[in-house]
Protein backbone atom coordinates (compact mmCIF):
# COMPACT_ATOMS: atom_id res chain seq x y z
CA UNK A 1 53.99 26.32 -60.23
CA UNK A 2 54.23 24.46 -56.91
CA UNK A 3 52.19 21.22 -56.89
CA UNK A 4 52.98 20.27 -53.29
CA UNK A 5 49.90 19.77 -51.11
CA UNK A 6 49.02 22.48 -48.60
CA UNK A 7 49.83 21.56 -45.04
CA UNK A 8 46.81 21.44 -42.74
CA UNK A 9 46.70 22.08 -39.04
CA UNK A 10 47.92 19.39 -36.69
CA UNK A 11 45.13 19.88 -34.15
CA UNK A 12 41.66 21.32 -34.47
CA UNK A 13 41.09 24.75 -32.95
CA UNK A 14 40.01 24.16 -29.33
CA UNK A 15 37.82 27.25 -29.37
CA UNK A 16 34.63 26.57 -27.42
CA UNK A 17 32.64 28.54 -29.97
CA UNK A 18 32.58 25.23 -31.85
CA UNK A 19 31.32 23.21 -28.87
CA UNK A 20 28.85 25.04 -26.69
CA UNK A 21 28.56 22.11 -24.27
CA UNK A 22 32.28 21.72 -23.52
CA UNK A 23 32.86 22.68 -19.91
CA UNK A 24 35.53 22.62 -17.26
CA UNK A 25 35.14 21.75 -13.60
CA UNK A 26 36.03 24.16 -10.82
CA UNK A 27 39.61 23.05 -10.17
CA UNK A 28 40.44 23.25 -13.89
CA UNK A 29 38.82 26.70 -14.15
CA UNK A 30 40.85 27.85 -11.11
CA UNK A 31 44.10 26.62 -12.56
CA UNK A 32 43.50 28.19 -15.97
CA UNK A 33 42.38 31.54 -14.51
CA UNK A 34 45.02 31.65 -11.78
CA UNK A 35 42.56 31.93 -8.89
CA UNK A 36 41.79 29.95 -5.74
CA UNK A 37 38.81 27.66 -5.39
CA UNK A 38 37.56 29.91 -2.58
CA UNK A 39 37.51 32.88 -4.99
CA UNK A 40 35.73 30.81 -7.64
CA UNK A 41 33.09 29.65 -5.17
CA UNK A 42 32.54 33.15 -3.78
CA UNK A 43 32.25 34.70 -7.24
CA UNK A 44 29.73 32.03 -8.28
CA UNK A 45 27.65 32.45 -5.10
CA UNK A 46 27.61 36.25 -5.46
CA UNK A 47 26.85 36.03 -9.22
CA UNK A 48 30.03 37.86 -10.27
CA UNK A 49 30.97 35.04 -12.64
CA UNK A 50 28.55 32.13 -12.81
CA UNK A 51 29.14 28.95 -14.80
CA UNK A 52 27.09 29.00 -17.98
CA UNK A 53 27.37 25.31 -18.88
CA UNK A 54 26.07 23.88 -15.59
CA UNK A 55 25.48 25.51 -12.21
CA UNK A 56 25.72 23.71 -8.89
CA UNK A 57 22.27 22.43 -7.97
CA UNK A 58 23.05 21.03 -4.54
CA UNK A 59 25.47 18.92 -2.60
CA UNK A 60 27.65 16.77 -4.82
CA UNK A 61 26.81 18.52 -8.09
CA UNK A 62 29.63 19.92 -10.22
CA UNK A 63 29.70 23.34 -11.82
CA UNK A 64 30.91 23.42 -15.42
CA UNK A 65 32.52 26.61 -16.71
CA UNK A 66 32.69 27.49 -20.41
CA UNK A 67 35.81 28.82 -22.10
CA UNK A 68 34.29 32.31 -22.01
CA UNK A 69 33.54 31.98 -18.28
CA UNK A 70 37.18 31.12 -17.60
CA UNK A 71 38.35 34.01 -19.76
CA UNK A 72 36.17 36.39 -17.72
CA UNK A 73 37.53 34.83 -14.49
CA UNK A 74 41.08 35.57 -15.68
CA UNK A 75 40.18 39.18 -16.51
CA UNK A 76 38.52 39.60 -13.09
CA UNK A 77 41.67 38.28 -11.42
CA UNK A 78 43.84 40.75 -13.33
CA UNK A 79 41.56 43.65 -12.43
CA UNK A 80 41.65 42.65 -8.75
CA UNK A 81 45.44 42.37 -8.87
CA UNK A 82 45.56 45.90 -10.28
CA UNK A 83 43.54 47.24 -7.33
CA UNK A 84 40.16 47.75 -8.99
CA UNK A 85 37.27 47.43 -6.53
CA UNK A 86 34.91 44.48 -6.77
CA UNK A 87 32.01 46.90 -7.33
CA UNK A 88 33.70 48.38 -10.42
CA UNK A 89 34.69 44.91 -11.62
CA UNK A 90 31.01 43.88 -11.50
CA UNK A 91 30.19 46.72 -13.92
CA UNK A 92 33.00 45.62 -16.27
CA UNK A 93 31.89 41.97 -16.11
CA UNK A 94 28.34 42.92 -17.12
CA UNK A 95 29.73 44.54 -20.27
CA UNK A 96 31.95 41.51 -21.01
CA UNK A 97 29.09 39.00 -20.60
CA UNK A 98 27.18 40.52 -23.49
CA UNK A 99 30.02 39.83 -25.94
CA UNK A 100 31.07 36.67 -27.72
CA UNK A 101 34.57 35.23 -27.43
CA UNK A 102 35.61 36.66 -30.82
CA UNK A 103 34.37 40.11 -29.75
CA UNK A 104 36.24 39.85 -26.44
CA UNK A 105 39.50 39.30 -28.28
CA UNK A 106 39.13 42.81 -29.73
CA UNK A 107 38.69 44.49 -26.33
CA UNK A 108 41.33 46.24 -24.25
CA UNK A 109 40.36 47.21 -20.73
CA UNK A 110 41.98 50.32 -19.30
CA UNK A 111 41.61 51.54 -15.76
CA UNK A 112 42.75 54.36 -13.56
CA UNK A 113 42.33 52.13 -10.51
CA UNK A 114 38.69 53.02 -9.97
CA UNK A 115 36.86 53.14 -13.30
CA UNK A 116 37.24 50.47 -15.97
CA UNK A 117 37.09 51.61 -19.60
CA UNK A 118 36.36 49.26 -22.49
CA UNK A 119 38.26 50.13 -25.67
CA UNK A 120 37.73 48.40 -28.99
CA UNK A 121 40.12 50.43 -31.12
CA UNK A 122 43.61 51.83 -30.80
CA UNK A 123 42.15 55.33 -31.22
CA UNK A 124 40.03 54.87 -28.07
CA UNK A 125 43.10 53.69 -26.15
CA UNK A 126 45.10 56.72 -27.30
CA UNK A 127 42.23 59.09 -26.42
CA UNK A 128 42.03 57.70 -22.88
CA UNK A 129 45.77 57.82 -22.38
CA UNK A 130 45.99 61.39 -23.68
CA UNK A 131 43.20 62.38 -21.32
CA UNK A 132 45.18 60.93 -18.42
CA UNK A 133 42.58 58.31 -17.53
CA UNK A 134 44.43 55.07 -18.23
CA UNK A 135 46.96 53.80 -15.73
CA UNK A 136 47.04 50.16 -16.76
CA UNK A 137 45.55 48.05 -19.49
CA UNK A 138 44.46 44.47 -20.04
CA UNK A 139 44.41 43.19 -23.60
CA UNK A 140 41.72 40.51 -23.46
CA UNK A 141 43.26 38.82 -26.51
CA UNK A 142 46.41 38.07 -24.45
CA UNK A 143 44.32 36.57 -21.65
CA UNK A 144 42.41 34.58 -24.27
CA UNK A 145 45.63 33.04 -25.62
CA UNK A 146 46.81 32.20 -22.10
CA UNK A 147 43.51 30.52 -21.18
CA UNK A 148 43.43 28.60 -24.45
CA UNK A 149 47.00 27.37 -23.84
CA UNK A 150 46.23 26.37 -20.25
CA UNK A 151 43.03 24.53 -21.15
CA UNK A 152 44.74 22.59 -23.95
CA UNK A 153 46.62 20.73 -21.21
CA UNK A 154 43.57 20.14 -18.97
CA UNK A 155 40.53 17.88 -19.05
CA UNK A 156 37.20 19.22 -20.21
CA UNK A 157 33.88 17.44 -20.30
CA UNK A 158 30.76 17.68 -22.35
CA UNK A 159 27.55 18.50 -20.57
CA UNK A 160 25.06 15.87 -21.55
CA UNK A 161 21.72 17.34 -22.53
CA UNK A 162 19.12 14.84 -21.37
CA UNK A 163 16.10 17.07 -21.44
CA UNK A 164 15.11 20.66 -21.03
CA UNK A 165 13.95 22.34 -17.87
CA UNK A 166 10.62 23.62 -19.14
CA UNK A 167 10.32 26.39 -16.55
CA UNK A 168 13.75 27.90 -17.32
CA UNK A 169 14.26 26.65 -20.87
CA UNK A 170 17.79 25.48 -20.01
CA UNK A 171 19.48 22.13 -20.61
CA UNK A 172 19.10 19.75 -17.72
CA UNK A 173 21.64 17.15 -16.69
CA UNK A 174 20.89 13.58 -15.58
CA UNK A 175 21.30 14.30 -11.86
CA UNK A 176 18.92 17.28 -11.97
CA UNK A 177 16.34 15.21 -13.86
CA UNK A 178 16.49 12.42 -11.25
CA UNK A 179 16.12 14.90 -8.38
CA UNK A 180 13.08 16.45 -10.00
CA UNK A 181 11.50 13.03 -10.55
CA UNK A 182 12.18 12.06 -6.92
CA UNK A 183 10.71 15.31 -5.55
CA UNK A 184 7.66 15.00 -7.83
CA UNK A 185 6.82 11.53 -6.49
CA UNK A 186 7.42 12.46 -2.83
């Protein structure tokens, strides 16, 4: 019988599922997803991929993207690189938004260049390929590992929850709270 102690992990799992308020600023999100800041800004303004930790509320405010947001950004980039239209990518993103990070790791996206198919089992992948639909595939789990590796080297920040925006029921940061107080007294 071996009495040696079991070796633990050197670092804690950086999965954002453990810290819902851990976010990454725009430049970090761009670097991890492999996109330009112009793409990030356009996609946020057109609601393709919006930051879920903190949105921009005016001049000088910083968007904060969650791990899942950055994962979706990376998938969007790969779909664009493969020639899928932005309209079809929007449909795929809607399906991805409804899933948690653990669920996303089980998804493989296949496309014929126009339609994006979401497969959650190897049988579904085989069925699509046999039917001639799939031309290329994106294993979300591979993108997840890449994003996790990239973000391990980059700074993240916690969104401080000061209060709650009663009208929207969302956490409110210090800057937003001060702006609301200033506009209420004006």
